N, C-alpha and C. Protein backbone atom coordinates (compact mmCIF):
# COMPACT_ATOMS: atom_id res chain seq x y z
N UNK A 1 0.96 -1.30 0.32
CA UNK A 1 0.27 -0.10 0.09
C UNK A 1 0.57 1.38 0.19
N UNK A 2 0.31 2.00 -0.89
CA UNK A 2 1.51 3.46 -0.86
C UNK A 2 0.39 4.82 -0.11
N UNK A 3 0.98 5.30 0.62
CA UNK A 3 0.29 6.81 0.93
C UNK A 3 -0.10 7.66 -0.05
N UNK A 4 -1.06 8.48 0.62
CA UNK A 4 -1.88 9.18 -0.56
C UNK A 4 -0.92 10.72 -0.23
N UNK A 5 -0.83 11.56 -1.70
CA UNK A 5 0.01 12.42 -1.70
C UNK A 5 -0.79 13.39 -1.72
N UNK A 6 -1.09 14.66 -0.84
CA UNK A 6 -1.27 15.90 -1.39
C UNK A 6 -1.17 16.75 -2.30
N UNK A 7 -1.36 17.23 -2.92
CA UNK A 7 -1.23 18.43 -3.60
C UNK A 7 -1.57 19.85 -3.16
N UNK A 8 -0.99 21.03 -3.04
CA UNK A 8 -1.42 22.05 -2.99
C UNK A 8 -1.47 23.19 -3.93
N UNK A 9 -2.34 23.97 -4.62
CA UNK A 9 -2.25 25.17 -5.27
C UNK A 9 -2.73 26.28 -4.56
N UNK A 10 -1.53 27.24 -4.77
CA UNK A 10 -1.56 28.42 -3.48
C UNK A 10 -1.33 29.26 -4.16
N UNK A 11 -1.65 30.58 -3.42
CA UNK A 11 -1.69 32.39 -3.07
C UNK A 11 -0.92 32.79 -2.40
N UNK A 12 0.39 33.42 -2.75
CA UNK A 12 0.70 34.61 -2.01
C UNK A 12 0.87 35.83 -2.28
N UNK A 13 1.06 36.86 -1.63
CA UNK A 13 0.93 37.64 -2.28
C UNK A 13 1.80 38.78 -1.01
N UNK A 14 2.40 40.05 -1.49
CA UNK A 14 3.11 40.51 -0.85
C UNK A 14 2.22 41.41 0.45
N UNK A 15 0.89 41.89 -0.07
CA UNK A 15 0.25 42.35 0.83
C UNK A 15 -1.52 42.40 0.76
N UNK A 16 -2.12 43.08 1.22
CA UNK A 16 -3.51 42.89 0.66
C UNK A 16 -3.37 43.80 -0.25
N UNK A 17 -4.54 42.81 -1.45
CA UNK A 17 -4.39 43.55 -2.80
C UNK A 17 -3.28 43.45 -3.42
N UNK A 18 -2.30 43.40 -3.13
CA UNK A 18 -0.69 43.84 -3.37
C UNK A 18 -0.33 42.66 -4.71
N UNK A 19 1.15 42.35 -5.04
CA UNK A 19 1.23 41.30 -5.74
C UNK A 19 0.95 40.22 -5.69
N UNK A 20 0.49 39.60 -6.34
CA UNK A 20 0.59 38.13 -6.36
C UNK A 20 1.13 36.98 -7.08
N UNK A 21 1.21 35.94 -6.26
CA UNK A 21 1.96 34.64 -6.92
C UNK A 21 1.18 33.35 -6.62
N UNK A 22 1.07 32.71 -7.80
CA UNK A 22 -0.25 31.46 -7.89
C UNK A 22 1.38 30.70 -7.87
N UNK A 23 1.35 29.44 -7.25
CA UNK A 23 2.19 27.96 -7.22
C UNK A 23 1.12 26.63 -6.96
N UNK A 24 2.23 25.51 -6.97
CA UNK A 24 1.97 24.47 -7.02
C UNK A 24 2.94 24.16 -5.92
N UNK A 25 2.69 22.86 -5.41
CA UNK A 25 3.59 21.96 -4.04
C UNK A 25 3.02 20.99 -3.61
N UNK A 26 3.38 20.00 -3.58
CA UNK A 26 3.67 18.73 -2.42
C UNK A 26 3.62 19.13 -1.16
N UNK A 27 4.94 19.76 -0.49
CA UNK A 27 5.26 20.23 0.36
C UNK A 27 5.11 21.73 0.55
N UNK A 28 3.78 22.37 1.12
CA UNK A 28 3.19 23.32 1.28
C UNK A 28 3.83 24.27 2.37
N UNK A 29 4.26 23.51 2.96
CA UNK A 29 4.72 24.15 4.59
C UNK A 29 6.38 24.62 4.09
N UNK A 30 6.89 23.89 3.57
CA UNK A 30 8.26 24.04 3.20
C UNK A 30 8.28 25.26 2.47
N UNK A 31 7.47 25.17 1.18
CA UNK A 31 7.52 25.96 0.03
C UNK A 31 7.35 27.57 0.17
N UNK A 32 5.83 27.27 1.19
CA UNK A 32 5.99 28.72 1.72
C UNK A 32 7.03 29.46 2.51
N UNK A 33 7.62 28.53 2.81
CA UNK A 33 8.29 29.34 4.25
C UNK A 33 10.03 29.62 3.21
N UNK A 34 10.11 29.34 2.19
CA UNK A 34 11.13 29.54 1.16
C UNK A 34 10.47 30.84 0.59
N UNK A 35 9.58 30.99 0.11
CA UNK A 35 8.79 31.62 -0.31
C UNK A 35 9.05 33.31 0.54
N UNK A 36 8.67 32.82 2.04
CA UNK A 36 8.34 33.94 3.37
C UNK A 36 10.08 34.35 3.63
N UNK A 37 11.00 33.58 3.48
CA UNK A 37 12.33 33.55 3.80
C UNK A 37 13.11 34.27 2.33
N UNK A 38 12.44 34.21 1.11
CA UNK A 38 13.29 34.91 0.28
C UNK A 38 14.64 33.82 -0.39
N UNK A 39 14.03 32.36 -0.16
CA UNK A 39 15.93 31.62 -0.07
C UNK A 39 16.34 31.57 -1.56
N UNK A 40 14.80 31.99 -2.63
CA UNK A 40 15.54 31.60 -3.89
C UNK A 40 15.44 32.89 -4.31
N UNK A 41 16.60 33.52 -5.48
CA UNK A 41 15.95 34.90 -6.41
C UNK A 41 14.91 34.13 -7.24
N UNK A 42 14.28 35.63 -7.07
CA UNK A 42 12.96 35.11 -8.44
C UNK A 42 11.92 35.89 -7.84
N UNK A 43 10.83 36.11 -8.86
CA UNK A 43 9.68 36.94 -8.45
C UNK A 43 9.14 36.89 -6.97
N UNK A 44 9.17 36.37 -6.08
CA UNK A 44 8.68 36.41 -4.80
C UNK A 44 9.50 36.73 -3.95
N UNK A 45 10.66 36.66 -4.40
CA UNK A 45 12.16 37.37 -3.69
C UNK A 45 12.12 38.76 -4.15
N UNK A 46 11.87 39.40 -5.62
CA UNK A 46 12.27 40.49 -6.20
C UNK A 46 11.09 41.10 -5.61
N UNK A 47 9.56 40.79 -5.35
CA UNK A 47 8.30 41.30 -4.73
C UNK A 47 7.67 41.65 -3.94
N UNK A 48 8.74 40.58 -2.88
CA UNK A 48 8.29 40.32 -1.66
C UNK A 48 6.84 39.91 -1.28
N UNK A 49 7.13 38.80 -1.91
CA UNK A 49 5.70 38.03 -2.05
C UNK A 49 6.04 36.90 -0.97
N UNK A 50 5.44 37.24 0.20
CA UNK A 50 5.63 36.31 1.69
C UNK A 50 4.38 35.60 2.44
N UNK A 51 3.41 36.09 2.05
CA UNK A 51 1.96 35.90 2.76
C UNK A 51 1.53 34.96 2.32
N UNK A 52 1.20 33.73 2.76
CA UNK A 52 0.18 32.59 2.02
C UNK A 52 -0.98 33.32 2.79
N UNK A 53 -1.85 33.30 1.12
CA UNK A 53 -3.37 34.21 1.72
C UNK A 53 -4.05 32.84 1.15
N UNK A 54 -3.87 31.70 0.13
CA UNK A 54 -5.18 30.55 -0.29
C UNK A 54 -4.75 29.59 -0.54
N UNK A 55 -5.18 28.76 -0.27
CA UNK A 55 -4.50 27.37 -0.79
C UNK A 55 -5.54 26.24 -1.06
N UNK A 56 -5.88 25.69 -1.63
CA UNK A 56 -6.44 24.37 -1.73
C UNK A 56 -5.89 23.04 -2.05
N UNK A 57 -6.31 21.83 -1.76
CA UNK A 57 -5.63 20.38 -1.72
C UNK A 57 -6.15 19.81 -2.70
N UNK A 58 -5.46 18.96 -3.52
CA UNK A 58 -5.72 17.76 -4.62
C UNK A 58 -5.04 16.94 -4.27
N UNK A 59 -6.08 15.56 -4.59
CA UNK A 59 -5.00 13.93 -4.23
C UNK A 59 -4.39 13.90 -5.76
N UNK A 60 -4.61 14.11 -7.03
CA UNK A 60 -4.21 14.33 -7.88
C UNK A 60 -3.41 15.22 -8.46
N UNK A 61 -2.36 14.94 -9.08
CA UNK A 61 -0.99 16.17 -9.57
C UNK A 61 -1.85 16.70 -10.52
N UNK A 62 -2.30 15.71 -11.65
CA UNK A 62 -2.62 16.40 -12.58
C UNK A 62 -3.99 17.08 -12.58
N UNK A 63 -4.67 16.83 -11.70
CA UNK A 63 -5.47 17.69 -11.27
C UNK A 63 -5.10 19.01 -10.28
N UNK A 64 -4.35 19.23 -9.40
CA UNK A 64 -3.90 19.96 -9.17
C UNK A 64 -2.86 21.20 -10.43
N UNK A 65 -2.24 20.50 -11.12
CA UNK A 65 -1.26 21.45 -12.47
C UNK A 65 -2.39 21.79 -12.87
N UNK A 66 -3.70 20.85 -13.55
CA UNK A 66 -4.60 21.87 -14.06
C UNK A 66 -5.09 23.24 -13.44
N UNK A 67 -5.14 22.78 -12.18
CA UNK A 67 -5.98 24.25 -11.50
C UNK A 67 -5.25 25.34 -11.31
N UNK A 68 -3.95 25.06 -11.20
CA UNK A 68 -2.96 25.72 -11.13
C UNK A 68 -2.66 26.37 -12.47
N UNK A 69 -2.36 26.59 -13.52
CA UNK A 69 -2.52 26.66 -14.85
C UNK A 69 -3.89 27.62 -14.96
N UNK A 70 -5.07 27.01 -14.58
CA UNK A 70 -6.41 27.60 -14.98
C UNK A 70 -6.17 29.38 -13.96
N UNK A 71 -6.22 28.83 -12.70
CA UNK A 71 -5.74 30.25 -11.87
C UNK A 71 -4.92 31.08 -12.22
N UNK A 72 -3.84 30.89 -12.89
CA UNK A 72 -2.74 31.48 -13.20
C UNK A 72 -3.41 32.40 -14.74
N UNK A 73 -3.98 31.73 -15.09
CA UNK A 73 -4.93 32.42 -16.88
C UNK A 73 -6.00 33.62 -16.28
N UNK A 74 -6.32 33.29 -15.19
CA UNK A 74 -7.73 34.17 -14.42
C UNK A 74 -6.73 35.58 -14.72
N UNK A 75 -7.82 36.31 -14.85
CA UNK A 75 -7.86 38.07 -14.68
C UNK A 75 -7.51 38.38 -13.07
N UNK A 76 -6.75 39.16 -12.56
CA UNK A 76 -6.56 39.79 -11.19
C UNK A 76 -7.82 39.89 -10.26
N UNK A 77 -8.95 40.31 -11.14
CA UNK A 77 -9.71 40.93 -10.08
C UNK A 77 -10.48 39.13 -9.77
N UNK A 78 -10.64 38.25 -10.45
CA UNK A 78 -10.71 37.11 -9.64
C UNK A 78 -9.99 35.99 -9.14
N UNK A 79 -9.20 36.29 -9.10
CA UNK A 79 -8.18 36.41 -8.26
C UNK A 79 -7.93 36.54 -6.86
N UNK A 80 -8.24 37.90 -6.43
CA UNK A 80 -8.79 38.55 -5.55
C UNK A 80 -10.11 38.55 -4.83
N UNK A 81 -11.04 38.02 -5.84
CA UNK A 81 -12.42 37.16 -5.06
C UNK A 81 -12.36 36.34 -4.99
N UNK A 82 -11.38 34.96 -5.41
CA UNK A 82 -10.92 34.04 -4.51
C UNK A 82 -10.49 33.79 -3.22
N UNK A 83 -9.39 35.11 -2.74
CA UNK A 83 -9.09 35.31 -1.58
C UNK A 83 -9.78 35.86 -1.01
N UNK A 84 -10.83 36.98 -1.20
CA UNK A 84 -11.42 37.62 -0.53
C UNK A 84 -12.63 36.22 0.47
N UNK A 85 -13.18 35.78 -0.64
CA UNK A 85 -13.85 34.58 -0.33
C UNK A 85 -13.43 33.74 0.79
N UNK A 86 -12.83 33.26 0.50
CA UNK A 86 -12.12 32.78 1.91
C UNK A 86 -11.25 32.96 2.78
N UNK A 87 -10.54 33.94 2.47
CA UNK A 87 -9.84 34.49 3.56
C UNK A 87 -10.04 36.36 3.52
N UNK A 88 -11.04 36.88 3.72
CA UNK A 88 -11.74 37.70 3.74
C UNK A 88 -10.98 38.86 4.32
N UNK A 89 -9.62 38.76 5.40
CA UNK A 89 -8.80 39.39 6.30
C UNK A 89 -7.49 39.27 5.61
N UNK A 90 -7.48 38.51 4.82
CA UNK A 90 -5.77 38.70 3.66
C UNK A 90 -5.34 38.32 5.40
N UNK A 91 -5.18 37.10 6.20
CA UNK A 91 -4.71 36.77 6.63
C UNK A 91 -3.50 36.07 6.51
N UNK A 92 -2.39 35.84 6.81
CA UNK A 92 -1.16 34.72 6.47
C UNK A 92 -1.65 33.93 7.46
N UNK A 93 -1.81 32.65 6.39
CA UNK A 93 -1.60 31.26 6.47
C UNK A 93 -0.32 30.19 7.08
N UNK A 94 0.16 31.17 7.60
CA UNK A 94 1.38 30.04 8.10
C UNK A 94 1.25 30.71 9.66
N UNK A 95 1.05 29.79 10.58
CA UNK A 95 0.93 30.32 12.13
C UNK A 95 1.84 30.63 12.61
N UNK A 96 2.18 31.10 13.74
CA UNK A 96 3.16 31.51 14.66
C UNK A 96 4.34 30.85 14.97
N UNK A 97 3.79 29.21 14.80
CA UNK A 97 4.57 28.14 15.47
C UNK A 97 5.26 27.53 13.86
N UNK A 98 4.73 28.33 13.01
CA UNK A 98 5.45 27.64 11.72
C UNK A 98 4.44 26.66 11.14
N UNK A 99 3.46 26.56 11.14
CA UNK A 99 1.84 25.35 10.48
C UNK A 99 1.57 26.20 10.02
N UNK A 100 0.36 25.26 9.07
CA UNK A 100 -0.12 26.09 7.86
C UNK A 100 -1.66 25.62 8.58
N UNK A 101 -2.39 27.15 8.72
CA UNK A 101 -3.56 27.18 8.88
C UNK A 101 -4.54 27.43 8.52
N UNK A 102 -5.58 26.66 9.02
CA UNK A 102 -6.73 26.33 8.18
C UNK A 102 -7.75 27.99 7.29
N UNK A 103 -7.78 27.30 6.20
CA UNK A 103 -8.57 28.77 5.69
C UNK A 103 -9.74 29.31 6.86
N UNK A 104 -9.72 30.70 6.63
CA UNK A 104 -10.86 31.15 7.90
C UNK A 104 -12.15 30.72 7.51
N UNK A 105 -12.82 30.79 8.00
CA UNK A 105 -14.38 30.39 7.61
C UNK A 105 -15.14 31.52 7.81
N UNK A 106 -15.91 32.00 6.58
CA UNK A 106 -16.78 32.94 6.36
C UNK A 106 -17.59 33.47 7.04
């Protein structure tokens, strides 16, 4: 028997209504900390995109990749609406103890 992997499609932001980044990872906590700490040169480090503001879980990698591509094609307005619907206060979903917090309830 094998362990089911979870794939995360996520949105990071520089601040409320700021610069957005859409990504995918099977290790969201590690990846979010890499963005937060600016571990790699690139878009998120350049634009200080360090807040995890939205994520969703998928069990199928192809489904997760398709969803990431779908969200990346969206207009900015739609991405903002997605965040606002699930995280209206734009809370950083990385907790004080370094854990991933559940999406706030509406």
